[in-house]
């Protein structure tokens, strides 16, 4: 979807301001979308629906597999190829 977007340089704040709800102006495309692409946009819009951006709060990424060192390729590879198989854990909380 990124390849089709006309807003490739927009920040998350800009996208929110344009409106990332379904039918919002943040969703601008270089061509008409196919049905499966439209479904992807609906799914993305639904995920963003509960996101509330707060001024004066610093954003940061948090890598749950290694909270101390953060993201490492070899750590991710080890996780994905482990005998037990990957388990996804969500740390999202509604505020």
PDB file of N, CA and C in Angstrom:
ATOM      1  N   UNK A   1       0.817  -1.180   0.000  1.00  0.00           N
ATOM      2  CA  UNK A   1       0.000   0.000   0.000  1.00  0.00           C
ATOM      3  C   UNK A   1       0.872   1.260   0.000  1.00  0.00           C
ATOM      4  N   UNK A   2       2.017   1.164   0.645  1.00  0.00           N
ATOM      5  CA  UNK A   2       2.922   2.315   0.684  1.00  0.00           C
ATOM      6  C   UNK A   2       3.274   2.767  -0.723  1.00  0.00           C
ATOM      7  N   UNK A   3       3.546   1.821  -1.596  1.00  0.00           N
ATOM      8  CA  UNK A   3       3.940   2.144  -2.972  1.00  0.00           C
ATOM      9  C   UNK A   3       2.850   2.933  -3.696  1.00  0.00           C
ATOM     10  N   UNK A   4       1.593   2.700  -3.364  1.00  0.00           N
ATOM     11  CA  UNK A   4       0.476   3.371  -4.024  1.00  0.00           C
ATOM     12  C   UNK A   4       0.114   4.709  -3.394  1.00  0.00           C
ATOM     13  N   UNK A   5       0.613   4.964  -2.209  1.00  0.00           N
ATOM     14  CA  UNK A   5       0.245   6.171  -1.463  1.00  0.00           C
ATOM     15  C   UNK A   5       0.791   7.440  -2.115  1.00  0.00           C
ATOM     16  N   UNK A   6       0.004   8.512  -2.045  1.00  0.00           N
ATOM     17  CA  UNK A   6       0.486   9.815  -2.503  1.00  0.00           C
ATOM     18  C   UNK A   6       1.037  10.623  -1.328  1.00  0.00           C
ATOM     19  N   UNK A   7       0.957  10.063  -0.120  1.00  0.00           N
ATOM     20  CA  UNK A   7       1.418  10.746   1.092  1.00  0.00           C
ATOM     21  C   UNK A   7       2.620  10.037   1.714  1.00  0.00           C
ATOM     22  N   UNK A   8       3.588   9.654   0.920  1.00  0.00           N
ATOM     23  CA  UNK A   8       4.733   8.881   1.414  1.00  0.00           C
ATOM     24  C   UNK A   8       5.583   9.634   2.436  1.00  0.00           C
ATOM     25  N   UNK A   9       5.611  10.931   2.374  1.00  0.00           N
ATOM     26  CA  UNK A   9       6.466  11.721   3.265  1.00  0.00           C
ATOM     27  C   UNK A   9       5.735  12.245   4.496  1.00  0.00           C
ATOM     28  N   UNK A  10       4.471  11.922   4.653  1.00  0.00           N
ATOM     29  CA  UNK A  10       3.687  12.410   5.793  1.00  0.00           C
ATOM     30  C   UNK A  10       4.117  11.726   7.088  1.00  0.00           C
ATOM     31  N   UNK A  11       4.102  12.488   8.158  1.00  0.00           N
ATOM     32  CA  UNK A  11       4.339  11.910   9.484  1.00  0.00           C
ATOM     33  C   UNK A  11       3.035  11.295   9.989  1.00  0.00           C
ATOM     34  N   UNK A  12       3.115  10.552  11.068  1.00  0.00           N
ATOM     35  CA  UNK A  12       1.920   9.984  11.682  1.00  0.00           C
ATOM     36  C   UNK A  12       0.980  11.113  12.094  1.00  0.00           C
ATOM     37  N   UNK A  13       1.549  12.184  12.632  1.00  0.00           N
ATOM     38  CA  UNK A  13       0.737  13.335  13.032  1.00  0.00           C
ATOM     39  C   UNK A  13       0.003  13.933  11.828  1.00  0.00           C
ATOM     40  N   UNK A  14       0.704  14.069  10.706  1.00  0.00           N
ATOM     41  CA  UNK A  14       0.076  14.603   9.495  1.00  0.00           C
ATOM     42  C   UNK A  14      -1.065  13.701   9.028  1.00  0.00           C
ATOM     43  N   UNK A  15      -0.818  12.399   9.035  1.00  0.00           N
ATOM     44  CA  UNK A  15      -1.853  11.452   8.609  1.00  0.00           C
ATOM     45  C   UNK A  15      -3.078  11.540   9.503  1.00  0.00           C
ATOM     46  N   UNK A  16      -2.858  11.659  10.809  1.00  0.00           N
ATOM     47  CA  UNK A  16      -3.980  11.767  11.751  1.00  0.00           C
ATOM     48  C   UNK A  16      -4.750  13.053  11.483  1.00  0.00           C
ATOM     49  N   UNK A  17      -4.042  14.127  11.229  1.00  0.00           N
ATOM     50  CA  UNK A  17      -4.673  15.427  10.954  1.00  0.00           C
ATOM     51  C   UNK A  17      -5.498  15.369   9.664  1.00  0.00           C
ATOM     52  N   UNK A  18      -5.002  14.654   8.651  1.00  0.00           N
ATOM     53  CA  UNK A  18      -5.733  14.512   7.391  1.00  0.00           C
ATOM     54  C   UNK A  18      -6.978  13.628   7.547  1.00  0.00           C
ATOM     55  N   UNK A  19      -6.952  12.774   8.555  1.00  0.00           N
ATOM     56  CA  UNK A  19      -8.084  11.884   8.800  1.00  0.00           C
ATOM     57  C   UNK A  19      -7.809  10.484   8.331  1.00  0.00           C
ATOM     58  N   UNK A  20      -7.436   9.594   9.270  1.00  0.00           N
ATOM     59  CA  UNK A  20      -7.114   8.226   8.875  1.00  0.00           C
ATOM     60  C   UNK A  20      -8.259   7.267   9.108  1.00  0.00           C
ATOM     61  N   UNK A  21      -9.429   7.805   9.455  1.00  0.00           N
ATOM     62  CA  UNK A  21     -10.626   6.970   9.502  1.00  0.00           C
ATOM     63  C   UNK A  21     -11.020   6.570   8.095  1.00  0.00           C
ATOM     64  N   UNK A  22     -11.910   5.606   7.967  1.00  0.00           N
ATOM     65  CA  UNK A  22     -12.329   5.144   6.643  1.00  0.00           C
ATOM     66  C   UNK A  22     -12.883   6.326   5.844  1.00  0.00           C
ATOM     67  N   UNK A  23     -12.377   6.525   4.656  1.00  0.00           N
ATOM     68  CA  UNK A  23     -12.791   7.636   3.813  1.00  0.00           C
ATOM     69  C   UNK A  23     -12.056   8.931   4.106  1.00  0.00           C
ATOM     70  N   UNK A  24     -11.093   8.902   5.050  1.00  0.00           N
ATOM     71  CA  UNK A  24     -10.342  10.101   5.406  1.00  0.00           C
ATOM     72  C   UNK A  24      -9.399  10.533   4.295  1.00  0.00           C
ATOM     73  N   UNK A  25      -8.995  11.784   4.345  1.00  0.00           N
ATOM     74  CA  UNK A  25      -8.112  12.332   3.319  1.00  0.00           C
ATOM     75  C   UNK A  25      -6.683  11.815   3.407  1.00  0.00           C
ATOM     76  N   UNK A  26      -6.321  11.138   4.494  1.00  0.00           N
ATOM     77  CA  UNK A  26      -4.981  10.574   4.617  1.00  0.00           C
ATOM     78  C   UNK A  26      -4.761   9.456   3.605  1.00  0.00           C
ATOM     79  N   UNK A  27      -5.849   8.869   3.155  1.00  0.00           N
ATOM     80  CA  UNK A  27      -5.761   7.760   2.220  1.00  0.00           C
ATOM     81  C   UNK A  27      -5.868   8.302   0.796  1.00  0.00           C
ATOM     82  N   UNK A  28      -4.731   8.649   0.230  1.00  0.00           N
ATOM     83  CA  UNK A  28      -4.675   9.127  -1.146  1.00  0.00           C
ATOM     84  C   UNK A  28      -3.869   8.144  -1.986  1.00  0.00           C
ATOM     85  N   UNK A  29      -4.385   7.794  -3.156  1.00  0.00           N
ATOM     86  CA  UNK A  29      -3.757   6.739  -3.958  1.00  0.00           C
ATOM     87  C   UNK A  29      -3.453   7.223  -5.364  1.00  0.00           C
ATOM     88  N   UNK A  30      -2.424   6.647  -5.947  1.00  0.00           N
ATOM     89  CA  UNK A  30      -2.017   6.981  -7.308  1.00  0.00           C
ATOM     90  C   UNK A  30      -2.963   6.376  -8.347  1.00  0.00           C
ATOM     91  N   UNK A  31      -3.733   5.396  -7.967  1.00  0.00           N
ATOM     92  CA  UNK A  31      -4.701   4.762  -8.873  1.00  0.00           C
ATOM     93  C   UNK A  31      -5.854   4.213  -8.037  1.00  0.00           C
ATOM     94  N   UNK A  32      -6.904   3.777  -8.713  1.00  0.00           N
ATOM     95  CA  UNK A  32      -8.011   3.140  -8.000  1.00  0.00           C
ATOM     96  C   UNK A  32      -7.526   1.824  -7.406  1.00  0.00           C
ATOM     97  N   UNK A  33      -7.976   1.524  -6.202  1.00  0.00           N
ATOM     98  CA  UNK A  33      -7.547   0.305  -5.527  1.00  0.00           C
ATOM     99  C   UNK A  33      -8.364  -0.896  -5.964  1.00  0.00           C
ATOM    100  N   UNK A  34      -7.719  -2.046  -5.937  1.00  0.00           N
ATOM    101  CA  UNK A  34      -8.412  -3.302  -6.177  1.00  0.00           C
ATOM    102  C   UNK A  34      -9.145  -3.685  -4.894  1.00  0.00           C
ATOM    103  N   UNK A  35     -10.067  -4.625  -4.991  1.00  0.00           N
ATOM    104  CA  UNK A  35     -10.896  -5.007  -3.848  1.00  0.00           C
ATOM    105  C   UNK A  35     -10.047  -5.445  -2.652  1.00  0.00           C
ATOM    106  N   UNK A  36      -9.022  -6.258  -2.884  1.00  0.00           N
ATOM    107  CA  UNK A  36      -8.205  -6.736  -1.772  1.00  0.00           C
ATOM    108  C   UNK A  36      -7.404  -5.595  -1.148  1.00  0.00           C
ATOM    109  N   UNK A  37      -7.035  -4.595  -1.953  1.00  0.00           N
ATOM    110  CA  UNK A  37      -6.319  -3.434  -1.425  1.00  0.00           C
ATOM    111  C   UNK A  37      -7.252  -2.576  -0.575  1.00  0.00           C
ATOM    112  N   UNK A  38      -8.487  -2.410  -1.023  1.00  0.00           N
ATOM    113  CA  UNK A  38      -9.473  -1.664  -0.246  1.00  0.00           C
ATOM    114  C   UNK A  38      -9.706  -2.338   1.105  1.00  0.00           C
ATOM    115  N   UNK A  39      -9.720  -3.660   1.122  1.00  0.00           N
ATOM    116  CA  UNK A  39      -9.888  -4.399   2.378  1.00  0.00           C
ATOM    117  C   UNK A  39      -8.706  -4.147   3.306  1.00  0.00           C
ATOM    118  N   UNK A  40      -7.504  -4.102   2.756  1.00  0.00           N
ATOM    119  CA  UNK A  40      -6.320  -3.801   3.564  1.00  0.00           C
ATOM    120  C   UNK A  40      -6.412  -2.413   4.184  1.00  0.00           C
ATOM    121  N   UNK A  41      -6.901  -1.446   3.423  1.00  0.00           N
ATOM    122  CA  UNK A  41      -7.063  -0.084   3.942  1.00  0.00           C
ATOM    123  C   UNK A  41      -8.109  -0.068   5.057  1.00  0.00           C
ATOM    124  N   UNK A  42      -9.212  -0.793   4.884  1.00  0.00           N
ATOM    125  CA  UNK A  42     -10.241  -0.869   5.937  1.00  0.00           C
ATOM    126  C   UNK A  42      -9.662  -1.474   7.212  1.00  0.00           C
ATOM    127  N   UNK A  43      -8.862  -2.530   7.069  1.00  0.00           N
ATOM    128  CA  UNK A  43      -8.241  -3.161   8.238  1.00  0.00           C
ATOM    129  C   UNK A  43      -7.292  -2.194   8.941  1.00  0.00           C
ATOM    130  N   UNK A  44      -6.488  -1.493   8.177  1.00  0.00           N
ATOM    131  CA  UNK A  44      -5.549  -0.527   8.738  1.00  0.00           C
ATOM    132  C   UNK A  44      -6.303   0.604   9.432  1.00  0.00           C
ATOM    133  N   UNK A  45      -7.338   1.099   8.800  1.00  0.00           N
ATOM    134  CA  UNK A  45      -8.152   2.170   9.370  1.00  0.00           C
ATOM    135  C   UNK A  45      -8.777   1.727  10.687  1.00  0.00           C
ATOM    136  N   UNK A  46      -9.253   0.487  10.743  1.00  0.00           N
ATOM    137  CA  UNK A  46      -9.850  -0.031  11.979  1.00  0.00           C
ATOM    138  C   UNK A  46      -8.807  -0.108  13.096  1.00  0.00           C
ATOM    139  N   UNK A  47      -7.574  -0.496  12.762  1.00  0.00           N
ATOM    140  CA  UNK A  47      -6.504  -0.555  13.764  1.00  0.00           C
ATOM    141  C   UNK A  47      -6.158   0.831  14.303  1.00  0.00           C
ATOM    142  N   UNK A  48      -6.212   1.833  13.438  1.00  0.00           N
ATOM    143  CA  UNK A  48      -5.859   3.196  13.833  1.00  0.00           C
ATOM    144  C   UNK A  48      -7.006   3.936  14.506  1.00  0.00           C
ATOM    145  N   UNK A  49      -8.204   3.381  14.444  1.00  0.00           N
ATOM    146  CA  UNK A  49      -9.395   4.046  14.942  1.00  0.00           C
ATOM    147  C   UNK A  49      -9.286   4.455  16.416  1.00  0.00           C
ATOM    148  N   UNK A  50      -8.635   3.639  17.237  1.00  0.00           N
ATOM    149  CA  UNK A  50      -8.541   3.925  18.673  1.00  0.00           C
ATOM    150  C   UNK A  50      -7.254   4.629  19.077  1.00  0.00           C
ATOM    151  N   UNK A  51      -6.410   4.970  18.114  1.00  0.00           N
ATOM    152  CA  UNK A  51      -5.150   5.642  18.422  1.00  0.00           C
ATOM    153  C   UNK A  51      -5.420   7.116  18.699  1.00  0.00           C
ATOM    154  N   UNK A  52      -4.921   7.579  19.832  1.00  0.00           N
ATOM    155  CA  UNK A  52      -5.060   8.985  20.197  1.00  0.00           C
ATOM    156  C   UNK A  52      -3.658   9.553  20.366  1.00  0.00           C
ATOM    157  N   UNK A  53      -3.332  10.531  19.549  1.00  0.00           N
ATOM    158  CA  UNK A  53      -2.023  11.175  19.649  1.00  0.00           C
ATOM    159  C   UNK A  53      -2.092  12.271  20.704  1.00  0.00           C
ATOM    160  N   UNK A  54      -1.062  12.349  21.529  1.00  0.00           N
ATOM    161  CA  UNK A  54      -1.034  13.332  22.611  1.00  0.00           C
ATOM    162  C   UNK A  54       0.136  14.279  22.402  1.00  0.00           C
ATOM    163  N   UNK A  55      -0.136  15.568  22.516  1.00  0.00           N
ATOM    164  CA  UNK A  55       0.923  16.559  22.402  1.00  0.00           C
ATOM    165  C   UNK A  55       1.813  16.482  23.635  1.00  0.00           C
ATOM    166  N   UNK A  56       3.066  16.868  23.459  1.00  0.00           N
ATOM    167  CA  UNK A  56       4.041  16.927  24.554  1.00  0.00           C
ATOM    168  C   UNK A  56       4.358  15.558  25.163  1.00  0.00           C
ATOM    169  N   UNK A  57       4.053  14.487  24.458  1.00  0.00           N
ATOM    170  CA  UNK A  57       4.398  13.138  24.897  1.00  0.00           C
ATOM    171  C   UNK A  57       5.334  12.554  23.848  1.00  0.00           C
ATOM    172  N   UNK A  58       6.522  12.129  24.277  1.00  0.00           N
ATOM    173  CA  UNK A  58       7.501  11.596  23.338  1.00  0.00           C
ATOM    174  C   UNK A  58       7.120  10.183  22.902  1.00  0.00           C
ATOM    175  N   UNK A  59       7.159   9.959  21.590  1.00  0.00           N
ATOM    176  CA  UNK A  59       6.926   8.630  21.031  1.00  0.00           C
ATOM    177  C   UNK A  59       8.187   7.795  21.162  1.00  0.00           C
ATOM    178  N   UNK A  60       8.021   6.492  21.286  1.00  0.00           N
ATOM    179  CA  UNK A  60       9.165   5.594  21.270  1.00  0.00           C
ATOM    180  C   UNK A  60       8.708   4.210  20.844  1.00  0.00           C
ATOM    181  N   UNK A  61       9.637   3.456  20.293  1.00  0.00           N
ATOM    182  CA  UNK A  61       9.400   2.072  19.915  1.00  0.00           C
ATOM    183  C   UNK A  61       9.849   1.180  21.053  1.00  0.00           C
ATOM    184  N   UNK A  62       9.138   0.099  21.243  1.00  0.00           N
ATOM    185  CA  UNK A  62       9.486  -0.854  22.284  1.00  0.00           C
ATOM    186  C   UNK A  62       9.492  -2.251  21.671  1.00  0.00           C
ATOM    187  N   UNK A  63      10.650  -2.916  21.706  1.00  0.00           N
ATOM    188  CA  UNK A  63      10.804  -4.259  21.138  1.00  0.00           C
ATOM    189  C   UNK A  63      10.638  -5.253  22.272  1.00  0.00           C
ATOM    190  N   UNK A  64       9.518  -5.964  22.299  1.00  0.00           N
ATOM    191  CA  UNK A  64       9.186  -6.838  23.418  1.00  0.00           C
ATOM    192  C   UNK A  64      10.076  -8.073  23.531  1.00  0.00           C
ATOM    193  N   UNK A  65      10.750  -8.466  22.448  1.00  0.00           N
ATOM    194  CA  UNK A  65      11.614  -9.639  22.524  1.00  0.00           C
ATOM    195  C   UNK A  65      12.896  -9.359  23.300  1.00  0.00           C
ATOM    196  N   UNK A  66      13.320  -8.111  23.345  1.00  0.00           N
ATOM    197  CA  UNK A  66      14.527  -7.746  24.075  1.00  0.00           C
ATOM    198  C   UNK A  66      14.389  -6.295  24.533  1.00  0.00           C
ATOM    199  N   UNK A  67      13.879  -6.111  25.742  1.00  0.00           N
ATOM    200  CA  UNK A  67      13.613  -4.772  26.256  1.00  0.00           C
ATOM    201  C   UNK A  67      14.883  -3.989  26.559  1.00  0.00           C
ATOM    202  N   UNK A  68      16.014  -4.684  26.753  1.00  0.00           N
ATOM    203  CA  UNK A  68      17.258  -4.003  27.096  1.00  0.00           C
ATOM    204  C   UNK A  68      17.999  -3.534  25.848  1.00  0.00           C
ATOM    205  N   UNK A  69      18.297  -4.450  24.911  1.00  0.00           N
ATOM    206  CA  UNK A  69      19.049  -4.084  23.713  1.00  0.00           C
ATOM    207  C   UNK A  69      18.168  -3.587  22.581  1.00  0.00           C
ATOM    208  N   UNK A  70      16.895  -3.926  22.595  1.00  0.00           N
ATOM    209  CA  UNK A  70      16.004  -3.537  21.509  1.00  0.00           C
ATOM    210  C   UNK A  70      16.083  -4.522  20.356  1.00  0.00           C
ATOM    211  N   UNK A  71      15.715  -4.064  19.183  1.00  0.00           N
ATOM    212  CA  UNK A  71      15.651  -4.930  18.009  1.00  0.00           C
ATOM    213  C   UNK A  71      17.038  -5.338  17.534  1.00  0.00           C
ATOM    214  N   UNK A  72      17.227  -6.643  17.359  1.00  0.00           N
ATOM    215  CA  UNK A  72      18.438  -7.201  16.766  1.00  0.00           C
ATOM    216  C   UNK A  72      18.018  -8.269  15.764  1.00  0.00           C
ATOM    217  N   UNK A  73      18.629  -8.284  14.601  1.00  0.00           N
ATOM    218  CA  UNK A  73      18.261  -9.250  13.573  1.00  0.00           C
ATOM    219  C   UNK A  73      18.455 -10.670  14.078  1.00  0.00           C
ATOM    220  N   UNK A  74      19.599 -10.948  14.709  1.00  0.00           N
ATOM    221  CA  UNK A  74      19.841 -12.331  15.152  1.00  0.00           C
ATOM    222  C   UNK A  74      18.861 -12.749  16.245  1.00  0.00           C
ATOM    223  N   UNK A  75      18.424 -11.827  17.076  1.00  0.00           N
ATOM    224  CA  UNK A  75      17.424 -12.153  18.094  1.00  0.00           C
ATOM    225  C   UNK A  75      16.076 -12.481  17.471  1.00  0.00           C
ATOM    226  N   UNK A  76      15.731 -11.750  16.434  1.00  0.00           N
ATOM    227  CA  UNK A  76      14.480 -12.010  15.727  1.00  0.00           C
ATOM    228  C   UNK A  76      14.542 -13.348  15.003  1.00  0.00           C
ATOM    229  N   UNK A  77      15.671 -13.620  14.357  1.00  0.00           N
ATOM    230  CA  UNK A  77      15.841 -14.901  13.665  1.00  0.00           C
ATOM    231  C   UNK A  77      15.736 -16.054  14.665  1.00  0.00           C
ATOM    232  N   UNK A  78      16.394 -15.932  15.785  1.00  0.00           N
ATOM    233  CA  UNK A  78      16.342 -16.969  16.821  1.00  0.00           C
ATOM    234  C   UNK A  78      14.903 -17.181  17.277  1.00  0.00           C
ATOM    235  N   UNK A  79      14.163 -16.102  17.461  1.00  0.00           N
ATOM    236  CA  UNK A  79      12.764 -16.187  17.880  1.00  0.00           C
ATOM    237  C   UNK A  79      11.919 -16.910  16.834  1.00  0.00           C
ATOM    238  N   UNK A  80      12.083 -16.526  15.570  1.00  0.00           N
ATOM    239  CA  UNK A  80      11.264 -17.106  14.501  1.00  0.00           C
ATOM    240  C   UNK A  80      11.592 -18.558  14.211  1.00  0.00           C
ATOM    241  N   UNK A  81      12.815 -18.982  14.514  1.00  0.00           N
ATOM    242  CA  UNK A  81      13.212 -20.359  14.213  1.00  0.00           C
ATOM    243  C   UNK A  81      13.273 -21.238  15.458  1.00  0.00           C
ATOM    244  N   UNK A  82      12.781 -20.745  16.570  1.00  0.00           N
ATOM    245  CA  UNK A  82      12.816 -21.537  17.800  1.00  0.00           C
ATOM    246  C   UNK A  82      11.939 -22.784  17.657  1.00  0.00           C
ATOM    247  N   UNK A  83      12.261 -23.819  18.407  1.00  0.00           N
ATOM    248  CA  UNK A  83      11.547 -25.094  18.341  1.00  0.00           C
ATOM    249  C   UNK A  83      10.082 -24.912  18.708  1.00  0.00           C
ATOM    250  N   UNK A  84       9.794 -24.086  19.703  1.00  0.00           N
ATOM    251  CA  UNK A  84       8.424 -23.892  20.163  1.00  0.00           C
ATOM    252  C   UNK A  84       7.595 -23.076  19.174  1.00  0.00           C
ATOM    253  N   UNK A  85       8.250 -22.343  18.288  1.00  0.00           N
ATOM    254  CA  UNK A  85       7.529 -21.488  17.337  1.00  0.00           C
ATOM    255  C   UNK A  85       7.196 -20.148  17.980  1.00  0.00           C
ATOM    256  N   UNK A  86       6.983 -19.162  17.158  1.00  0.00           N
ATOM    257  CA  UNK A  86       6.745 -17.805  17.678  1.00  0.00           C
ATOM    258  C   UNK A  86       5.383 -17.672  18.351  1.00  0.00           C
ATOM    259  N   UNK A  87       5.354 -16.890  19.407  1.00  0.00           N
ATOM    260  CA  UNK A  87       4.126 -16.516  20.088  1.00  0.00           C
ATOM    261  C   UNK A  87       4.075 -14.995  20.095  1.00  0.00           C
ATOM    262  N   UNK A  88       2.979 -14.455  19.622  1.00  0.00           N
ATOM    263  CA  UNK A  88       2.860 -13.001  19.554  1.00  0.00           C
ATOM    264  C   UNK A  88       2.197 -12.492  20.818  1.00  0.00           C
ATOM    265  N   UNK A  89       2.817 -11.490  21.415  1.00  0.00           N
ATOM    266  CA  UNK A  89       2.295 -10.883  22.635  1.00  0.00           C
ATOM    267  C   UNK A  89       2.009  -9.427  22.344  1.00  0.00           C
ATOM    268  N   UNK A  90       0.818  -8.973  22.710  1.00  0.00           N
ATOM    269  CA  UNK A  90       0.463  -7.579  22.483  1.00  0.00           C
ATOM    270  C   UNK A  90       0.584  -6.805  23.768  1.00  0.00           C
ATOM    271  N   UNK A  91       1.215  -5.630  23.685  1.00  0.00           N
ATOM    272  CA  UNK A  91       1.377  -4.767  24.847  1.00  0.00           C
ATOM    273  C   UNK A  91       0.569  -3.491  24.676  1.00  0.00           C
ATOM    274  N   UNK A  92      -0.441  -3.540  23.822  1.00  0.00           N
ATOM    275  CA  UNK A  92      -1.259  -2.353  23.553  1.00  0.00           C
ATOM    276  C   UNK A  92      -2.291  -2.174  24.648  1.00  0.00           C
ATOM    277  N   UNK A  93      -2.438  -0.943  25.088  1.00  0.00           N
ATOM    278  CA  UNK A  93      -3.423  -0.622  26.117  1.00  0.00           C
ATOM    279  C   UNK A  93      -4.202   0.595  25.671  1.00  0.00           C
ATOM    280  N   UNK A  94      -5.518   0.550  25.832  1.00  0.00           N
ATOM    281  CA  UNK A  94      -6.323   1.730  25.558  1.00  0.00           C
ATOM    282  C   UNK A  94      -6.211   2.672  26.731  1.00  0.00           C
ATOM    283  N   UNK A  95      -6.003   3.950  26.452  1.00  0.00           N
ATOM    284  CA  UNK A  95      -5.874   4.947  27.508  1.00  0.00           C
ATOM    285  C   UNK A  95      -7.093   5.804  27.534  1.00  0.00           C
TER     286      UNK A  95
END
